[in-house]
Amino acid sequence: TLFFNNEDYSNPATRIWFQPATKDYY
């Protein structure tokens, strides 16, 4: 299964960030 996305908006300042798992969160 592959999930594809085009993100359309006016702001060019795009980011990807990572939140590691904890005992309460994935």
mmCIF file of all heavy atoms, coordinates in Angstrom:
data_MODEL
# 
_entry.id   MODEL 
# 
loop_
_atom_site.group_PDB 
_atom_site.id 
_atom_site.type_symbol 
_atom_site.label_atom_id 
_atom_site.label_alt_id 
_atom_site.label_comp_id 
_atom_site.label_asym_id 
_atom_site.label_entity_id 
_atom_site.label_seq_id 
_atom_site.pdbx_PDB_ins_code 
_atom_site.Cartn_x 
_atom_site.Cartn_y 
_atom_site.Cartn_z 
_atom_site.occupancy 
_atom_site.B_iso_or_equiv 
_atom_site.pdbx_formal_charge 
_atom_site.auth_seq_id 
_atom_site.auth_comp_id 
_atom_site.auth_asym_id 
_atom_site.auth_atom_id 
_atom_site.pdbx_PDB_model_num 
ATOM 1   N N   . THR A 1 1  ? 0.847  -1.189 0.000  1.00 0.00 ? 1  THR A N   1 
ATOM 2   C CA  . THR A 1 1  ? 0.000  0.000  0.000  1.00 0.00 ? 1  THR A CA  1 
ATOM 3   C C   . THR A 1 1  ? 0.885  1.242  0.000  1.00 0.00 ? 1  THR A C   1 
ATOM 4   O O   . THR A 1 1  ? 1.770  1.378  0.848  1.00 0.00 ? 1  THR A O   1 
ATOM 5   C CB  . THR A 1 1  ? -0.922 0.034  1.231  1.00 0.00 ? 1  THR A CB  1 
ATOM 6   O OG1 . THR A 1 1  ? -1.748 -1.131 1.243  1.00 0.00 ? 1  THR A OG1 1 
ATOM 7   C CG2 . THR A 1 1  ? -1.817 1.270  1.192  1.00 0.00 ? 1  THR A CG2 1 
ATOM 8   N N   . LEU A 1 2  ? 0.627  2.141  -0.944 1.00 0.00 ? 2  LEU A N   1 
ATOM 9   C CA  . LEU A 1 2  ? 1.350  3.407  -1.051 1.00 0.00 ? 2  LEU A CA  1 
ATOM 10  C C   . LEU A 1 2  ? 0.361  4.554  -0.935 1.00 0.00 ? 2  LEU A C   1 
ATOM 11  O O   . LEU A 1 2  ? -0.726 4.518  -1.507 1.00 0.00 ? 2  LEU A O   1 
ATOM 12  C CB  . LEU A 1 2  ? 2.095  3.507  -2.387 1.00 0.00 ? 2  LEU A CB  1 
ATOM 13  C CG  . LEU A 1 2  ? 3.183  2.463  -2.653 1.00 0.00 ? 2  LEU A CG  1 
ATOM 14  C CD1 . LEU A 1 2  ? 3.765  2.651  -4.050 1.00 0.00 ? 2  LEU A CD1 1 
ATOM 15  C CD2 . LEU A 1 2  ? 4.286  2.549  -1.616 1.00 0.00 ? 2  LEU A CD2 1 
ATOM 16  N N   . PHE A 1 3  ? 0.773  5.592  -0.197 1.00 0.00 ? 3  PHE A N   1 
ATOM 17  C CA  . PHE A 1 3  ? -0.059 6.767  0.069  1.00 0.00 ? 3  PHE A CA  1 
ATOM 18  C C   . PHE A 1 3  ? 0.622  7.967  -0.582 1.00 0.00 ? 3  PHE A C   1 
ATOM 19  O O   . PHE A 1 3  ? 1.750  8.307  -0.221 1.00 0.00 ? 3  PHE A O   1 
ATOM 20  C CB  . PHE A 1 3  ? -0.171 6.953  1.579  1.00 0.00 ? 3  PHE A CB  1 
ATOM 21  C CG  . PHE A 1 3  ? -1.162 7.986  2.040  1.00 0.00 ? 3  PHE A CG  1 
ATOM 22  C CD1 . PHE A 1 3  ? -2.388 7.613  2.547  1.00 0.00 ? 3  PHE A CD1 1 
ATOM 23  C CD2 . PHE A 1 3  ? -0.857 9.343  2.007  1.00 0.00 ? 3  PHE A CD2 1 
ATOM 24  C CE1 . PHE A 1 3  ? -3.298 8.556  3.013  1.00 0.00 ? 3  PHE A CE1 1 
ATOM 25  C CE2 . PHE A 1 3  ? -1.749 10.293 2.462  1.00 0.00 ? 3  PHE A CE2 1 
ATOM 26  C CZ  . PHE A 1 3  ? -2.985 9.901  2.964  1.00 0.00 ? 3  PHE A CZ  1 
ATOM 27  N N   . PHE A 1 4  ? -0.058 8.625  -1.536 1.00 0.00 ? 4  PHE A N   1 
ATOM 28  C CA  . PHE A 1 4  ? 0.516  9.731  -2.306 1.00 0.00 ? 4  PHE A CA  1 
ATOM 29  C C   . PHE A 1 4  ? -0.180 11.042 -1.946 1.00 0.00 ? 4  PHE A C   1 
ATOM 30  O O   . PHE A 1 4  ? -1.396 11.068 -1.714 1.00 0.00 ? 4  PHE A O   1 
ATOM 31  C CB  . PHE A 1 4  ? 0.343  9.487  -3.807 1.00 0.00 ? 4  PHE A CB  1 
ATOM 32  C CG  . PHE A 1 4  ? 1.098  8.309  -4.349 1.00 0.00 ? 4  PHE A CG  1 
ATOM 33  C CD1 . PHE A 1 4  ? 0.606  7.011  -4.193 1.00 0.00 ? 4  PHE A CD1 1 
ATOM 34  C CD2 . PHE A 1 4  ? 2.294  8.477  -5.038 1.00 0.00 ? 4  PHE A CD2 1 
ATOM 35  C CE1 . PHE A 1 4  ? 1.291  5.921  -4.703 1.00 0.00 ? 4  PHE A CE1 1 
ATOM 36  C CE2 . PHE A 1 4  ? 2.985  7.398  -5.553 1.00 0.00 ? 4  PHE A CE2 1 
ATOM 37  C CZ  . PHE A 1 4  ? 2.484  6.106  -5.381 1.00 0.00 ? 4  PHE A CZ  1 
ATOM 38  N N   . ASN A 1 5  ? 0.581  12.140 -1.977 1.00 0.00 ? 5  ASN A N   1 
ATOM 39  C CA  . ASN A 1 5  ? 0.000  13.451 -1.662 1.00 0.00 ? 5  ASN A CA  1 
ATOM 40  C C   . ASN A 1 5  ? 0.725  14.571 -2.392 1.00 0.00 ? 5  ASN A C   1 
ATOM 41  O O   . ASN A 1 5  ? 1.958  14.598 -2.450 1.00 0.00 ? 5  ASN A O   1 
ATOM 42  C CB  . ASN A 1 5  ? 0.096  13.720 -0.159 1.00 0.00 ? 5  ASN A CB  1 
ATOM 43  C CG  . ASN A 1 5  ? -0.336 15.130 0.202  1.00 0.00 ? 5  ASN A CG  1 
ATOM 44  O OD1 . ASN A 1 5  ? -1.472 15.515 -0.027 1.00 0.00 ? 5  ASN A OD1 1 
ATOM 45  N ND2 . ASN A 1 5  ? 0.580  15.912 0.744  1.00 0.00 ? 5  ASN A ND2 1 
ATOM 46  N N   . ASN A 1 6  ? -0.045 15.501 -2.950 1.00 0.00 ? 6  ASN A N   1 
ATOM 47  C CA  . ASN A 1 6  ? 0.445  16.810 -3.393 1.00 0.00 ? 6  ASN A CA  1 
ATOM 48  C C   . ASN A 1 6  ? -0.059 17.848 -2.408 1.00 0.00 ? 6  ASN A C   1 
ATOM 49  O O   . ASN A 1 6  ? -1.279 17.973 -2.209 1.00 0.00 ? 6  ASN A O   1 
ATOM 50  C CB  . ASN A 1 6  ? -0.086 17.181 -4.783 1.00 0.00 ? 6  ASN A CB  1 
ATOM 51  C CG  . ASN A 1 6  ? 0.704  16.542 -5.906 1.00 0.00 ? 6  ASN A CG  1 
ATOM 52  O OD1 . ASN A 1 6  ? 1.791  16.018 -5.703 1.00 0.00 ? 6  ASN A OD1 1 
ATOM 53  N ND2 . ASN A 1 6  ? 0.143  16.577 -7.112 1.00 0.00 ? 6  ASN A ND2 1 
ATOM 54  N N   . GLU A 1 7  ? 0.850  18.577 -1.776 1.00 0.00 ? 7  GLU A N   1 
ATOM 55  C CA  . GLU A 1 7  ? 0.453  19.605 -0.813 1.00 0.00 ? 7  GLU A CA  1 
ATOM 56  C C   . GLU A 1 7  ? 0.445  20.964 -1.497 1.00 0.00 ? 7  GLU A C   1 
ATOM 57  O O   . GLU A 1 7  ? 1.494  21.474 -1.898 1.00 0.00 ? 7  GLU A O   1 
ATOM 58  C CB  . GLU A 1 7  ? 1.408  19.618 0.380  1.00 0.00 ? 7  GLU A CB  1 
ATOM 59  C CG  . GLU A 1 7  ? 0.885  20.406 1.561  1.00 0.00 ? 7  GLU A CG  1 
ATOM 60  C CD  . GLU A 1 7  ? -0.335 19.744 2.192  1.00 0.00 ? 7  GLU A CD  1 
ATOM 61  O OE1 . GLU A 1 7  ? -0.455 18.508 2.176  1.00 0.00 ? 7  GLU A OE1 1 
ATOM 62  O OE2 . GLU A 1 7  ? -1.187 20.507 2.717  1.00 0.00 ? 7  GLU A OE2 1 
ATOM 63  N N   . ASP A 1 8  ? -0.735 21.568 -1.633 1.00 0.00 ? 8  ASP A N   1 
ATOM 64  C CA  . ASP A 1 8  ? -0.907 22.831 -2.341 1.00 0.00 ? 8  ASP A CA  1 
ATOM 65  C C   . ASP A 1 8  ? -1.152 23.955 -1.346 1.00 0.00 ? 8  ASP A C   1 
ATOM 66  O O   . ASP A 1 8  ? -2.071 23.875 -0.529 1.00 0.00 ? 8  ASP A O   1 
ATOM 67  C CB  . ASP A 1 8  ? -2.108 22.750 -3.298 1.00 0.00 ? 8  ASP A CB  1 
ATOM 68  C CG  . ASP A 1 8  ? -2.023 21.578 -4.259 1.00 0.00 ? 8  ASP A CG  1 
ATOM 69  O OD1 . ASP A 1 8  ? -0.902 21.065 -4.458 1.00 0.00 ? 8  ASP A OD1 1 
ATOM 70  O OD2 . ASP A 1 8  ? -3.072 21.175 -4.797 1.00 0.00 ? 8  ASP A OD2 1 
ATOM 71  N N   . TYR A 1 9  ? -0.338 24.995 -1.441 1.00 0.00 ? 9  TYR A N   1 
ATOM 72  C CA  . TYR A 1 9  ? -0.528 26.137 -0.532 1.00 0.00 ? 9  TYR A CA  1 
ATOM 73  C C   . TYR A 1 9  ? 0.367  27.279 -1.007 1.00 0.00 ? 9  TYR A C   1 
ATOM 74  O O   . TYR A 1 9  ? 1.153  27.129 -1.947 1.00 0.00 ? 9  TYR A O   1 
ATOM 75  C CB  . TYR A 1 9  ? -0.198 25.735 0.914  1.00 0.00 ? 9  TYR A CB  1 
ATOM 76  C CG  . TYR A 1 9  ? -0.661 26.725 1.957  1.00 0.00 ? 9  TYR A CG  1 
ATOM 77  C CD1 . TYR A 1 9  ? -1.958 27.225 1.942  1.00 0.00 ? 9  TYR A CD1 1 
ATOM 78  C CD2 . TYR A 1 9  ? 0.188  27.147 2.962  1.00 0.00 ? 9  TYR A CD2 1 
ATOM 79  C CE1 . TYR A 1 9  ? -2.384 28.124 2.892  1.00 0.00 ? 9  TYR A CE1 1 
ATOM 80  C CE2 . TYR A 1 9  ? -0.235 28.051 3.923  1.00 0.00 ? 9  TYR A CE2 1 
ATOM 81  C CZ  . TYR A 1 9  ? -1.524 28.532 3.887  1.00 0.00 ? 9  TYR A CZ  1 
ATOM 82  O OH  . TYR A 1 9  ? -1.946 29.428 4.825  1.00 0.00 ? 9  TYR A OH  1 
ATOM 83  N N   . SER A 1 10 ? 0.251  28.428 -0.333 1.00 0.00 ? 10 SER A N   1 
ATOM 84  C CA  . SER A 1 10 ? 1.026  29.602 -0.733 1.00 0.00 ? 10 SER A CA  1 
ATOM 85  C C   . SER A 1 10 ? 2.372  29.701 -0.028 1.00 0.00 ? 10 SER A C   1 
ATOM 86  O O   . SER A 1 10 ? 3.239  30.454 -0.459 1.00 0.00 ? 10 SER A O   1 
ATOM 87  C CB  . SER A 1 10 ? 0.215  30.877 -0.449 1.00 0.00 ? 10 SER A CB  1 
ATOM 88  O OG  . SER A 1 10 ? -0.147 30.934 0.930  1.00 0.00 ? 10 SER A OG  1 
ATOM 89  N N   . ASN A 1 11 ? 2.561  28.965 1.074  1.00 0.00 ? 11 ASN A N   1 
ATOM 90  C CA  . ASN A 1 11 ? 3.777  29.073 1.879  1.00 0.00 ? 11 ASN A CA  1 
ATOM 91  C C   . ASN A 1 11 ? 4.854  28.127 1.346  1.00 0.00 ? 11 ASN A C   1 
ATOM 92  O O   . ASN A 1 11 ? 4.657  26.904 1.348  1.00 0.00 ? 11 ASN A O   1 
ATOM 93  C CB  . ASN A 1 11 ? 3.460  28.738 3.338  1.00 0.00 ? 11 ASN A CB  1 
ATOM 94  C CG  . ASN A 1 11 ? 4.651  28.919 4.263  1.00 0.00 ? 11 ASN A CG  1 
ATOM 95  O OD1 . ASN A 1 11 ? 5.734  29.295 3.838  1.00 0.00 ? 11 ASN A OD1 1 
ATOM 96  N ND2 . ASN A 1 11 ? 4.453  28.640 5.536  1.00 0.00 ? 11 ASN A ND2 1 
ATOM 97  N N   . PRO A 1 12 ? 6.023  28.636 0.929  1.00 0.00 ? 12 PRO A N   1 
ATOM 98  C CA  . PRO A 1 12 ? 7.081  27.758 0.415  1.00 0.00 ? 12 PRO A CA  1 
ATOM 99  C C   . PRO A 1 12 ? 7.950  27.131 1.497  1.00 0.00 ? 12 PRO A C   1 
ATOM 100 O O   . PRO A 1 12 ? 8.782  26.272 1.192  1.00 0.00 ? 12 PRO A O   1 
ATOM 101 C CB  . PRO A 1 12 ? 7.910  28.707 -0.452 1.00 0.00 ? 12 PRO A CB  1 
ATOM 102 C CG  . PRO A 1 12 ? 7.778  30.030 0.234  1.00 0.00 ? 12 PRO A CG  1 
ATOM 103 C CD  . PRO A 1 12 ? 6.373  30.071 0.780  1.00 0.00 ? 12 PRO A CD  1 
ATOM 104 N N   . ALA A 1 13 ? 7.775  27.536 2.753  1.00 0.00 ? 13 ALA A N   1 
ATOM 105 C CA  . ALA A 1 13 ? 8.640  27.050 3.838  1.00 0.00 ? 13 ALA A CA  1 
ATOM 106 C C   . ALA A 1 13 ? 8.100  25.723 4.359  1.00 0.00 ? 13 ALA A C   1 
ATOM 107 O O   . ALA A 1 13 ? 7.353  25.662 5.344  1.00 0.00 ? 13 ALA A O   1 
ATOM 108 C CB  . ALA A 1 13 ? 8.721  28.084 4.958  1.00 0.00 ? 13 ALA A CB  1 
ATOM 109 N N   . THR A 1 14 ? 8.465  24.624 3.696  1.00 0.00 ? 14 THR A N   1 
ATOM 110 C CA  . THR A 1 14 ? 7.939  23.303 4.014  1.00 0.00 ? 14 THR A CA  1 
ATOM 111 C C   . THR A 1 14 ? 8.922  22.502 4.862  1.00 0.00 ? 14 THR A C   1 
ATOM 112 O O   . THR A 1 14 ? 10.141 22.649 4.737  1.00 0.00 ? 14 THR A O   1 
ATOM 113 C CB  . THR A 1 14 ? 7.638  22.535 2.728  1.00 0.00 ? 14 THR A CB  1 
ATOM 114 O OG1 . THR A 1 14 ? 8.835  22.461 1.929  1.00 0.00 ? 14 THR A OG1 1 
ATOM 115 C CG2 . THR A 1 14 ? 6.562  23.240 1.924  1.00 0.00 ? 14 THR A CG2 1 
ATOM 116 N N   . ARG A 1 15 ? 8.373  21.636 5.709  1.00 0.00 ? 15 ARG A N   1 
ATOM 117 C CA  . ARG A 1 15 ? 9.214  20.860 6.626  1.00 0.00 ? 15 ARG A CA  1 
ATOM 118 C C   . ARG A 1 15 ? 8.660  19.455 6.828  1.00 0.00 ? 15 ARG A C   1 
ATOM 119 O O   . ARG A 1 15 ? 7.458  19.223 6.683  1.00 0.00 ? 15 ARG A O   1 
ATOM 120 C CB  . ARG A 1 15 ? 9.310  21.566 7.996  1.00 0.00 ? 15 ARG A CB  1 
ATOM 121 C CG  . ARG A 1 15 ? 10.150 22.819 7.983  1.00 0.00 ? 15 ARG A CG  1 
ATOM 122 C CD  . ARG A 1 15 ? 10.129 23.514 9.335  1.00 0.00 ? 15 ARG A CD  1 
ATOM 123 N NE  . ARG A 1 15 ? 11.088 24.625 9.366  1.00 0.00 ? 15 ARG A NE  1 
ATOM 124 C CZ  . ARG A 1 15 ? 11.214 25.481 10.375 1.00 0.00 ? 15 ARG A CZ  1 
ATOM 125 N NH1 . ARG A 1 15 ? 10.444 25.343 11.449 1.00 0.00 ? 15 ARG A NH1 1 
ATOM 126 N NH2 . ARG A 1 15 ? 12.098 26.453 10.334 1.00 0.00 ? 15 ARG A NH2 1 
ATOM 127 N N   . ILE A 1 16 ? 9.562  18.555 7.211  1.00 0.00 ? 16 ILE A N   1 
ATOM 128 C CA  . ILE A 1 16 ? 9.192  17.235 7.698  1.00 0.00 ? 16 ILE A CA  1 
ATOM 129 C C   . ILE A 1 16 ? 9.852  17.062 9.060  1.00 0.00 ? 16 ILE A C   1 
ATOM 130 O O   . ILE A 1 16 ? 11.012 17.435 9.232  1.00 0.00 ? 16 ILE A O   1 
ATOM 131 C CB  . ILE A 1 16 ? 9.610  16.122 6.725  1.00 0.00 ? 16 ILE A CB  1 
ATOM 132 C CG1 . ILE A 1 16 ? 9.236  14.741 7.289  1.00 0.00 ? 16 ILE A CG1 1 
ATOM 133 C CG2 . ILE A 1 16 ? 11.107 16.185 6.395  1.00 0.00 ? 16 ILE A CG2 1 
ATOM 134 C CD1 . ILE A 1 16 ? 9.411  13.606 6.286  1.00 0.00 ? 16 ILE A CD1 1 
ATOM 135 N N   . TRP A 1 17 ? 9.098  16.552 10.054 1.00 0.00 ? 17 TRP A N   1 
ATOM 136 C CA  . TRP A 1 17 ? 9.677  16.387 11.382 1.00 0.00 ? 17 TRP A CA  1 
ATOM 137 C C   . TRP A 1 17 ? 9.251  15.042 11.974 1.00 0.00 ? 17 TRP A C   1 
ATOM 138 O O   . TRP A 1 17 ? 8.250  14.443 11.570 1.00 0.00 ? 17 TRP A O   1 
ATOM 139 C CB  . TRP A 1 17 ? 9.329  17.542 12.304 1.00 0.00 ? 17 TRP A CB  1 
ATOM 140 C CG  . TRP A 1 17 ? 7.895  17.821 12.607 1.00 0.00 ? 17 TRP A CG  1 
ATOM 141 C CD1 . TRP A 1 17 ? 7.192  17.443 13.716 1.00 0.00 ? 17 TRP A CD1 1 
ATOM 142 C CD2 . TRP A 1 17 ? 6.975  18.600 11.816 1.00 0.00 ? 17 TRP A CD2 1 
ATOM 143 N NE1 . TRP A 1 17 ? 5.906  17.928 13.676 1.00 0.00 ? 17 TRP A NE1 1 
ATOM 144 C CE2 . TRP A 1 17 ? 5.750  18.633 12.531 1.00 0.00 ? 17 TRP A CE2 1 
ATOM 145 C CE3 . TRP A 1 17 ? 7.072  19.264 10.583 1.00 0.00 ? 17 TRP A CE3 1 
ATOM 146 C CZ2 . TRP A 1 17 ? 4.621  19.294 12.033 1.00 0.00 ? 17 TRP A CZ2 1 
ATOM 147 C CZ3 . TRP A 1 17 ? 5.959  19.922 10.091 1.00 0.00 ? 17 TRP A CZ3 1 
ATOM 148 C CH2 . TRP A 1 17 ? 4.754  19.939 10.816 1.00 0.00 ? 17 TRP A CH2 1 
ATOM 149 N N   . PHE A 1 18 ? 10.068 14.586 12.922 1.00 0.00 ? 18 PHE A N   1 
ATOM 150 C CA  . PHE A 1 18 ? 9.928  13.241 13.467 1.00 0.00 ? 18 PHE A CA  1 
ATOM 151 C C   . PHE A 1 18 ? 9.766  13.291 14.985 1.00 0.00 ? 18 PHE A C   1 
ATOM 152 O O   . PHE A 1 18 ? 10.562 13.910 15.681 1.00 0.00 ? 18 PHE A O   1 
ATOM 153 C CB  . PHE A 1 18 ? 11.145 12.390 13.101 1.00 0.00 ? 18 PHE A CB  1 
ATOM 154 C CG  . PHE A 1 18 ? 11.325 12.225 11.619 1.00 0.00 ? 18 PHE A CG  1 
ATOM 155 C CD1 . PHE A 1 18 ? 12.054 13.149 10.880 1.00 0.00 ? 18 PHE A CD1 1 
ATOM 156 C CD2 . PHE A 1 18 ? 10.746 11.149 10.960 1.00 0.00 ? 18 PHE A CD2 1 
ATOM 157 C CE1 . PHE A 1 18 ? 12.204 13.008 9.505  1.00 0.00 ? 18 PHE A CE1 1 
ATOM 158 C CE2 . PHE A 1 18 ? 10.893 10.998 9.577  1.00 0.00 ? 18 PHE A CE2 1 
ATOM 159 C CZ  . PHE A 1 18 ? 11.621 11.933 8.858  1.00 0.00 ? 18 PHE A CZ  1 
ATOM 160 N N   . GLN A 1 19 ? 8.700  12.622 15.467 1.00 0.00 ? 19 GLN A N   1 
ATOM 161 C CA  . GLN A 1 19 ? 8.412  12.514 16.890 1.00 0.00 ? 19 GLN A CA  1 
ATOM 162 C C   . GLN A 1 19 ? 8.569  11.052 17.303 1.00 0.00 ? 19 GLN A C   1 
ATOM 163 O O   . GLN A 1 19 ? 7.746  10.207 16.948 1.00 0.00 ? 19 GLN A O   1 
ATOM 164 C CB  . GLN A 1 19 ? 6.982  12.979 17.187 1.00 0.00 ? 19 GLN A CB  1 
ATOM 165 C CG  . GLN A 1 19 ? 6.805  14.468 17.259 1.00 0.00 ? 19 GLN A CG  1 
ATOM 166 C CD  . GLN A 1 19 ? 7.210  15.020 18.636 1.00 0.00 ? 19 GLN A CD  1 
ATOM 167 O OE1 . GLN A 1 19 ? 7.740  14.302 19.466 1.00 0.00 ? 19 GLN A OE1 1 
ATOM 168 N NE2 . GLN A 1 19 ? 6.952  16.291 18.851 1.00 0.00 ? 19 GLN A NE2 1 
ATOM 169 N N   . PRO A 1 20 ? 9.638  10.702 18.034 1.00 0.00 ? 20 PRO A N   1 
ATOM 170 C CA  . PRO A 1 20 ? 9.821  9.303  18.450 1.00 0.00 ? 20 PRO A CA  1 
ATOM 171 C C   . PRO A 1 20 ? 8.706  8.826  19.377 1.00 0.00 ? 20 PRO A C   1 
ATOM 172 O O   . PRO A 1 20 ? 8.021  9.623  20.011 1.00 0.00 ? 20 PRO A O   1 
ATOM 173 C CB  . PRO A 1 20 ? 11.172 9.327  19.176 1.00 0.00 ? 20 PRO A CB  1 
ATOM 174 C CG  . PRO A 1 20 ? 11.851 10.569 18.701 1.00 0.00 ? 20 PRO A CG  1 
ATOM 175 C CD  . PRO A 1 20 ? 10.762 11.555 18.443 1.00 0.00 ? 20 PRO A CD  1 
ATOM 176 N N   . ALA A 1 21 ? 8.574  7.506  19.474 1.00 0.00 ? 21 ALA A N   1 
ATOM 177 C CA  . ALA A 1 21 ? 7.578  6.911  20.350 1.00 0.00 ? 21 ALA A CA  1 
ATOM 178 C C   . ALA A 1 21 ? 7.959  7.104  21.810 1.00 0.00 ? 21 ALA A C   1 
ATOM 179 O O   . ALA A 1 21 ? 9.130  7.225  22.160 1.00 0.00 ? 21 ALA A O   1 
ATOM 180 C CB  . ALA A 1 21 ? 7.439  5.426  20.037 1.00 0.00 ? 21 ALA A CB  1 
ATOM 181 N N   . THR A 1 22 ? 6.953  7.156  22.657 1.00 0.00 ? 22 THR A N   1 
ATOM 182 C CA  . THR A 1 22 ? 7.115  7.141  24.114 1.00 0.00 ? 22 THR A CA  1 
ATOM 183 C C   . THR A 1 22 ? 6.218  6.032  24.655 1.00 0.00 ? 22 THR A C   1 
ATOM 184 O O   . THR A 1 22 ? 5.565  5.312  23.881 1.00 0.00 ? 22 THR A O   1 
ATOM 185 C CB  . THR A 1 22 ? 6.722  8.485  24.743 1.00 0.00 ? 22 THR A CB  1 
ATOM 186 O OG1 . THR A 1 22 ? 5.288  8.637  24.654 1.00 0.00 ? 22 THR A OG1 1 
ATOM 187 C CG2 . THR A 1 22 ? 7.396  9.657  24.026 1.00 0.00 ? 22 THR A CG2 1 
ATOM 188 N N   . LYS A 1 23 ? 6.141  5.903  25.963 1.00 0.00 ? 23 LYS A N   1 
ATOM 189 C CA  . LYS A 1 23 ? 5.268  4.877  26.531 1.00 0.00 ? 23 LYS A CA  1 
ATOM 190 C C   . LYS A 1 23 ? 3.796  5.185  26.264 1.00 0.00 ? 23 LYS A C   1 
ATOM 191 O O   . LYS A 1 23 ? 2.941  4.288  26.346 1.00 0.00 ? 23 LYS A O   1 
ATOM 192 C CB  . LYS A 1 23 ? 5.509  4.734  28.032 1.00 0.00 ? 23 LYS A CB  1 
ATOM 193 C CG  . LYS A 1 23 ? 5.156  5.955  28.863 1.00 0.00 ? 23 LYS A CG  1 
ATOM 194 C CD  . LYS A 1 23 ? 5.468  5.730  30.324 1.00 0.00 ? 23 LYS A CD  1 
ATOM 195 C CE  . LYS A 1 23 ? 5.094  6.953  31.178 1.00 0.00 ? 23 LYS A CE  1 
ATOM 196 N NZ  . LYS A 1 23 ? 3.639  7.159  31.208 1.00 0.00 ? 23 LYS A NZ  1 
ATOM 197 N N   . ASP A 1 24 ? 3.471  6.435  25.929 1.00 0.00 ? 24 ASP A N   1 
ATOM 198 C CA  . ASP A 1 24 ? 2.084  6.831  25.693 1.00 0.00 ? 24 ASP A CA  1 
ATOM 199 C C   . ASP A 1 24 ? 1.752  7.101  24.235 1.00 0.00 ? 24 ASP A C   1 
ATOM 200 O O   . ASP A 1 24 ? 0.571  7.165  23.881 1.00 0.00 ? 24 ASP A O   1 
ATOM 201 C CB  . ASP A 1 24 ? 1.753  8.100  26.497 1.00 0.00 ? 24 ASP A CB  1 
ATOM 202 C CG  . ASP A 1 24 ? 1.778  7.866  27.990 1.00 0.00 ? 24 ASP A CG  1 
ATOM 203 O OD1 . ASP A 1 24 ? 1.373  6.774  28.429 1.00 0.00 ? 24 ASP A OD1 1 
ATOM 204 O OD2 . ASP A 1 24 ? 2.209  8.771  28.721 1.00 0.00 ? 24 ASP A OD2 1 
ATOM 205 N N   . TYR A 1 25 ? 2.762  7.287  23.376 1.00 0.00 ? 25 TYR A N   1 
ATOM 206 C CA  . TYR A 1 25 ? 2.514  7.733  22.011 1.00 0.00 ? 25 TYR A CA  1 
ATOM 207 C C   . TYR A 1 25 ? 3.304  6.902  21.004 1.00 0.00 ? 25 TYR A C   1 
ATOM 208 O O   . TYR A 1 25 ? 4.435  6.486  21.280 1.00 0.00 ? 25 TYR A O   1 
ATOM 209 C CB  . TYR A 1 25 ? 2.902  9.205  21.840 1.00 0.00 ? 25 TYR A CB  1 
ATOM 210 C CG  . TYR A 1 25 ? 2.247  10.137 22.831 1.00 0.00 ? 25 TYR A CG  1 
ATOM 211 C CD1 . TYR A 1 25 ? 2.992  10.747 23.841 1.00 0.00 ? 25 TYR A CD1 1 
ATOM 212 C CD2 . TYR A 1 25 ? 0.884  10.407 22.757 1.00 0.00 ? 25 TYR A CD2 1 
ATOM 213 C CE1 . TYR A 1 25 ? 2.390  11.606 24.750 1.00 0.00 ? 25 TYR A CE1 1 
ATOM 214 C CE2 . TYR A 1 25 ? 0.277  11.251 23.664 1.00 0.00 ? 25 TYR A CE2 1 
ATOM 215 C CZ  . TYR A 1 25 ? 1.027  11.851 24.660 1.00 0.00 ? 25 TYR A CZ  1 
ATOM 216 O OH  . TYR A 1 25 ? 0.431  12.685 25.565 1.00 0.00 ? 25 TYR A OH  1 
ATOM 217 N N   . TYR A 1 26 ? 2.737  6.709  19.831 1.00 0.00 ? 26 TYR A N   1 
ATOM 218 C CA  . TYR A 1 26 ? 3.442  6.054  18.742 1.00 0.00 ? 26 TYR A CA  1 
ATOM 219 C C   . TYR A 1 26 ? 4.393  7.035  18.070 1.00 0.00 ? 26 TYR A C   1 
ATOM 220 O O   . TYR A 1 26 ? 4.160  8.250  18.063 1.00 0.00 ? 26 TYR A O   1 
ATOM 221 C CB  . TYR A 1 26 ? 2.452  5.518  17.703 1.00 0.00 ? 26 TYR A CB  1 
ATOM 222 C CG  . TYR A 1 26 ? 1.502  4.470  18.211 1.00 0.00 ? 26 TYR A CG  1 
ATOM 223 C CD1 . TYR A 1 26 ? 0.205  4.370  17.708 1.00 0.00 ? 26 TYR A CD1 1 
ATOM 224 C CD2 . TYR A 1 26 ? 1.895  3.565  19.198 1.00 0.00 ? 26 TYR A CD2 1 
ATOM 225 C CE1 . TYR A 1 26 ? -0.678 3.398  18.159 1.00 0.00 ? 26 TYR A CE1 1 
ATOM 226 C CE2 . TYR A 1 26 ? 1.024  2.593  19.663 1.00 0.00 ? 26 TYR A CE2 1 
ATOM 227 C CZ  . TYR A 1 26 ? -0.261 2.516  19.141 1.00 0.00 ? 26 TYR A CZ  1 
ATOM 228 O OH  . TYR A 1 26 ? -1.124 1.555  19.598 1.00 0.00 ? 26 TYR A OH  1 
# 
